[in-house]
Every structure is written in structure tokens, then in C-alpha cells.
Amino acid sequence: MIDRSQIAQALAKAIAYKQCGKQEDAEAWARKLVELLECADILAR
């Protein structure tokens, strides 16, 4: 089952951290986003 709220949160945080110059945090949230999408079978592993 896809948890859209977790996906939306991860995307929003990745963007927000990127925009304020916190690259490490942005990358961590981007990795979480990819993990969530892979678990939902949206991205191939």
C-alpha cells in the first residue's frame, strides 16, 4: 500500500532542505523518497 502522506513529506523536505542550502539533509530525504517509491513498486530496484 502506498502511503501518499509519507511520500509527499519526503518530497517536500528534500526540496525545502535543498532550497535552504542543506545538501546533506536534502540528499537524505531524497533517498527516503526513492526508498518509499521502490517499496510501492513505482521504481524498479
PDB file of N, CA and C in Angstrom:
ATOM      1  N   MET A   1       0.831  -1.180   0.000  1.00  0.00           N
ATOM      2  CA  MET A   1       0.000   0.000   0.000  1.00  0.00           C
ATOM      3  C   MET A   1       0.881   1.251   0.000  1.00  0.00           C
ATOM      4  N   ILE A   2       0.497   2.225  -0.759  1.00  0.00           N
ATOM      5  CA  ILE A   2       1.265   3.460  -0.881  1.00  0.00           C
ATOM      6  C   ILE A   2       0.807   4.449   0.178  1.00  0.00           C
ATOM      7  N   ASP A   3       1.752   4.935   0.977  1.00  0.00           N
ATOM      8  CA  ASP A   3       1.437   5.975   1.963  1.00  0.00           C
ATOM      9  C   ASP A   3       1.777   7.318   1.336  1.00  0.00           C
ATOM     10  N   ARG A   4       0.776   7.925   0.731  1.00  0.00           N
ATOM     11  CA  ARG A   4       0.991   9.164  -0.003  1.00  0.00           C
ATOM     12  C   ARG A   4       1.464  10.305   0.898  1.00  0.00           C
ATOM     13  N   SER A   5       1.049  10.300   2.151  1.00  0.00           N
ATOM     14  CA  SER A   5       1.481  11.375   3.040  1.00  0.00           C
ATOM     15  C   SER A   5       2.982  11.290   3.320  1.00  0.00           C
ATOM     16  N   GLN A   6       3.516  10.071   3.462  1.00  0.00           N
ATOM     17  CA  GLN A   6       4.961   9.921   3.672  1.00  0.00           C
ATOM     18  C   GLN A   6       5.737  10.331   2.427  1.00  0.00           C
ATOM     19  N   ILE A   7       5.228   9.974   1.264  1.00  0.00           N
ATOM     20  CA  ILE A   7       5.887  10.343   0.009  1.00  0.00           C
ATOM     21  C   ILE A   7       5.873  11.854  -0.163  1.00  0.00           C
ATOM     22  N   ALA A   8       4.735  12.487   0.103  1.00  0.00           N
ATOM     23  CA  ALA A   8       4.624  13.941  -0.012  1.00  0.00           C
ATOM     24  C   ALA A   8       5.561  14.634   0.975  1.00  0.00           C
ATOM     25  N   GLN A   9       5.646  14.105   2.189  1.00  0.00           N
ATOM     26  CA  GLN A   9       6.519  14.699   3.197  1.00  0.00           C
ATOM     27  C   GLN A   9       7.984  14.591   2.786  1.00  0.00           C
ATOM     28  N   ALA A  10       8.392  13.426   2.312  1.00  0.00           N
ATOM     29  CA  ALA A  10       9.783  13.230   1.903  1.00  0.00           C
ATOM     30  C   ALA A  10      10.141  14.157   0.744  1.00  0.00           C
ATOM     31  N   LEU A  11       9.238  14.291  -0.222  1.00  0.00           N
ATOM     32  CA  LEU A  11       9.475  15.183  -1.355  1.00  0.00           C
ATOM     33  C   LEU A  11       9.573  16.630  -0.896  1.00  0.00           C
ATOM     34  N   ALA A  12       8.643  17.055  -0.061  1.00  0.00           N
ATOM     35  CA  ALA A  12       8.636  18.442   0.420  1.00  0.00           C
ATOM     36  C   ALA A  12       9.901  18.761   1.219  1.00  0.00           C
ATOM     37  N   LYS A  13      10.321  17.829   2.062  1.00  0.00           N
ATOM     38  CA  LYS A  13      11.521  18.072   2.865  1.00  0.00           C
ATOM     39  C   LYS A  13      12.775  18.089   2.003  1.00  0.00           C
ATOM     40  N   ALA A  14      12.859  17.201   1.029  1.00  0.00           N
ATOM     41  CA  ALA A  14      14.023  17.191   0.134  1.00  0.00           C
ATOM     42  C   ALA A  14      14.138  18.533  -0.591  1.00  0.00           C
ATOM     43  N   ILE A  15      13.020  19.035  -1.077  1.00  0.00           N
ATOM     44  CA  ILE A  15      13.023  20.319  -1.781  1.00  0.00           C
ATOM     45  C   ILE A  15      13.359  21.463  -0.834  1.00  0.00           C
ATOM     46  N   ALA A  16      12.733  21.472   0.329  1.00  0.00           N
ATOM     47  CA  ALA A  16      12.954  22.563   1.286  1.00  0.00           C
ATOM     48  C   ALA A  16      14.409  22.631   1.738  1.00  0.00           C
ATOM     49  N   TYR A  17      14.977  21.476   2.079  1.00  0.00           N
ATOM     50  CA  TYR A  17      16.373  21.472   2.506  1.00  0.00           C
ATOM     51  C   TYR A  17      17.300  21.888   1.369  1.00  0.00           C
ATOM     52  N   LYS A  18      17.011  21.469   0.173  1.00  0.00           N
ATOM     53  CA  LYS A  18      17.833  21.864  -0.980  1.00  0.00           C
ATOM     54  C   LYS A  18      17.793  23.372  -1.166  1.00  0.00           C
ATOM     55  N   GLN A  19      16.603  23.959  -1.046  1.00  0.00           N
ATOM     56  CA  GLN A  19      16.449  25.394  -1.265  1.00  0.00           C
ATOM     57  C   GLN A  19      17.141  26.230  -0.193  1.00  0.00           C
ATOM     58  N   CYS A  20      17.277  25.691   1.011  1.00  0.00           N
ATOM     59  CA  CYS A  20      17.952  26.474   2.054  1.00  0.00           C
ATOM     60  C   CYS A  20      19.427  26.088   2.202  1.00  0.00           C
ATOM     61  N   GLY A  21      19.937  25.309   1.251  1.00  0.00           N
ATOM     62  CA  GLY A  21      21.367  25.027   1.206  1.00  0.00           C
ATOM     63  C   GLY A  21      21.841  23.901   2.108  1.00  0.00           C
ATOM     64  N   LYS A  22      20.944  23.090   2.596  1.00  0.00           N
ATOM     65  CA  LYS A  22      21.331  21.960   3.457  1.00  0.00           C
ATOM     66  C   LYS A  22      21.363  20.693   2.619  1.00  0.00           C
ATOM     67  N   GLN A  23      22.434  20.554   1.852  1.00  0.00           N
ATOM     68  CA  GLN A  23      22.563  19.485   0.874  1.00  0.00           C
ATOM     69  C   GLN A  23      22.489  18.087   1.487  1.00  0.00           C
ATOM     70  N   GLU A  24      23.166  17.872   2.608  1.00  0.00           N
ATOM     71  CA  GLU A  24      23.166  16.540   3.222  1.00  0.00           C
ATOM     72  C   GLU A  24      21.760  16.123   3.642  1.00  0.00           C
ATOM     73  N   ASP A  25      21.024  17.046   4.230  1.00  0.00           N
ATOM     74  CA  ASP A  25      19.656  16.739   4.633  1.00  0.00           C
ATOM     75  C   ASP A  25      18.776  16.510   3.408  1.00  0.00           C
ATOM     76  N   ALA A  26      18.973  17.302   2.372  1.00  0.00           N
ATOM     77  CA  ALA A  26      18.199  17.142   1.139  1.00  0.00           C
ATOM     78  C   ALA A  26      18.445  15.764   0.536  1.00  0.00           C
ATOM     79  N   GLU A  27      19.691  15.341   0.513  1.00  0.00           N
ATOM     80  CA  GLU A  27      20.022  14.027  -0.037  1.00  0.00           C
ATOM     81  C   GLU A  27      19.431  12.901   0.802  1.00  0.00           C
ATOM     82  N   ALA A  28      19.431  13.066   2.113  1.00  0.00           N
ATOM     83  CA  ALA A  28      18.855  12.042   2.987  1.00  0.00           C
ATOM     84  C   ALA A  28      17.357  11.887   2.713  1.00  0.00           C
ATOM     85  N   TRP A  29      16.665  12.996   2.552  1.00  0.00           N
ATOM     86  CA  TRP A  29      15.232  12.922   2.272  1.00  0.00           C
ATOM     87  C   TRP A  29      14.967  12.425   0.859  1.00  0.00           C
ATOM     88  N   ALA A  30      15.847  12.731  -0.068  1.00  0.00           N
ATOM     89  CA  ALA A  30      15.691  12.210  -1.429  1.00  0.00           C
ATOM     90  C   ALA A  30      15.864  10.691  -1.435  1.00  0.00           C
ATOM     91  N   ARG A  31      16.814  10.194  -0.648  1.00  0.00           N
ATOM     92  CA  ARG A  31      16.994   8.745  -0.531  1.00  0.00           C
ATOM     93  C   ARG A  31      15.760   8.095   0.085  1.00  0.00           C
ATOM     94  N   LYS A  32      15.175   8.740   1.095  1.00  0.00           N
ATOM     95  CA  LYS A  32      13.958   8.222   1.714  1.00  0.00           C
ATOM     96  C   LYS A  32      12.820   8.188   0.694  1.00  0.00           C
ATOM     97  N   LEU A  33      12.725   9.224  -0.131  1.00  0.00           N
ATOM     98  CA  LEU A  33      11.698   9.277  -1.168  1.00  0.00           C
ATOM     99  C   LEU A  33      11.860   8.121  -2.147  1.00  0.00           C
ATOM    100  N   VAL A  34      13.069   7.877  -2.592  1.00  0.00           N
ATOM    101  CA  VAL A  34      13.334   6.771  -3.517  1.00  0.00           C
ATOM    102  C   VAL A  34      12.989   5.442  -2.864  1.00  0.00           C
ATOM    103  N   GLU A  35      13.357   5.283  -1.607  1.00  0.00           N
ATOM    104  CA  GLU A  35      13.035   4.050  -0.879  1.00  0.00           C
ATOM    105  C   GLU A  35      11.517   3.831  -0.824  1.00  0.00           C
ATOM    106  N   LEU A  36      10.774   4.873  -0.525  1.00  0.00           N
ATOM    107  CA  LEU A  36       9.313   4.761  -0.460  1.00  0.00           C
ATOM    108  C   LEU A  36       8.725   4.404  -1.820  1.00  0.00           C
ATOM    109  N   LEU A  37       9.254   5.002  -2.870  1.00  0.00           N
ATOM    110  CA  LEU A  37       8.747   4.719  -4.213  1.00  0.00           C
ATOM    111  C   LEU A  37       9.101   3.304  -4.653  1.00  0.00           C
ATOM    112  N   GLU A  38      10.285   2.829  -4.269  1.00  0.00           N
ATOM    113  CA  GLU A  38      10.658   1.447  -4.591  1.00  0.00           C
ATOM    114  C   GLU A  38       9.758   0.475  -3.848  1.00  0.00           C
ATOM    115  N   CYS A  39       9.455   0.754  -2.600  1.00  0.00           N
ATOM    116  CA  CYS A  39       8.592  -0.129  -1.809  1.00  0.00           C
ATOM    117  C   CYS A  39       7.182  -0.168  -2.377  1.00  0.00           C
ATOM    118  N   ALA A  40       6.766   0.896  -3.026  1.00  0.00           N
ATOM    119  CA  ALA A  40       5.435   0.955  -3.637  1.00  0.00           C
ATOM    120  C   ALA A  40       5.437   0.380  -5.048  1.00  0.00           C
ATOM    121  N   ASP A  41       6.572  -0.183  -5.469  1.00  0.00           N
ATOM    122  CA  ASP A  41       6.739  -0.756  -6.815  1.00  0.00           C
ATOM    123  C   ASP A  41       6.502   0.276  -7.924  1.00  0.00           C
ATOM    124  N   ILE A  42       6.880   1.517  -7.635  1.00  0.00           N
ATOM    125  CA  ILE A  42       6.793   2.561  -8.659  1.00  0.00           C
ATOM    126  C   ILE A  42       8.140   2.685  -9.378  1.00  0.00           C
ATOM    127  N   LEU A  43       9.228   2.474  -8.646  1.00  0.00           N
ATOM    128  CA  LEU A  43      10.573   2.485  -9.240  1.00  0.00           C
ATOM    129  C   LEU A  43      11.117   1.065  -9.243  1.00  0.00           C
ATOM    130  N   ALA A  44      11.804   0.738 -10.310  1.00  0.00           N
ATOM    131  CA  ALA A  44      12.468  -0.569 -10.365  1.00  0.00           C
ATOM    132  C   ALA A  44      13.692  -0.541  -9.471  1.00  0.00           C
ATOM    133  N   ARG A  45      13.989  -1.650  -8.875  1.00  0.00           N
ATOM    134  CA  ARG A  45      15.162  -1.714  -7.985  1.00  0.00           C
ATOM    135  C   ARG A  45      16.417  -1.962  -8.772  1.00  0.00           C
TER     136      ARG A  45
END
